[in-house]
Amino acid sequence: MTHDNNTHPYPENVVSECKLSDNTAVLIRPVRPDDAEMIREFSRHLSSELKHLNYMENFKELPQSMVTRLTEVDYKKSMTILAIHLENKNEKIVGMVHYITADGKNCEFDMIVTDDWQNNHIGTVLTEALIKSAKNNGMKSIQIVILASNVGGMMLAKKFGFTVQDNDDPKVKIVTKNL
């Protein structure tokens, strides 16, 4: 399945089902352009703290430019992977990870998991899927700009072997991993 002339085929190989420790099933899959409204809904239910820790700002509604960046991906130079829970026959995003590259070799990524789904290993599953996808798409390194106060994000980065570097702003860290 291809969405337009600027995209690569939909990466079916990224689709998987994950069972959490409590046996809850979560679908891991790449984003589709028609996921825009589901992403908006996801962002509406994030706490102010999560929005600040992950986006370094607090918004009421996810800006359209960000929705576009997350959903209009080419599956190679940019990729968004969703963690989806089926709730009352409705798909609900519980976590999301995204990478983008300017040079085709090094990429930046960000991830967010809803408050209710924190500490369920969804961040680990999403990070694994993203790293595998980035490697398969020829990325040589991956980087995150992260607030130093984002303890969960810093722990996850260290778990995956990212190197932590100071930044000009002491409130922000740069974490990098060679792939």
Foldseek 3Di string as FASTA:
>chain_A
DADDPLADPAPPVLWDWDQWPVRFIKIKGWAALVCLVLVQVQLCQADQVQCCFFVVHGDNTDDPVVSCLRHVDRLQQKIKMFIWGQDPNDTHTQKMKMWHDDPQAEIEMTMGGGPVCPPRCPVVSRVVSVVVSNVVSHHFKYKYKGFPPPVVVVVSLVVVPWDWDADPDNRIIMTMDTD
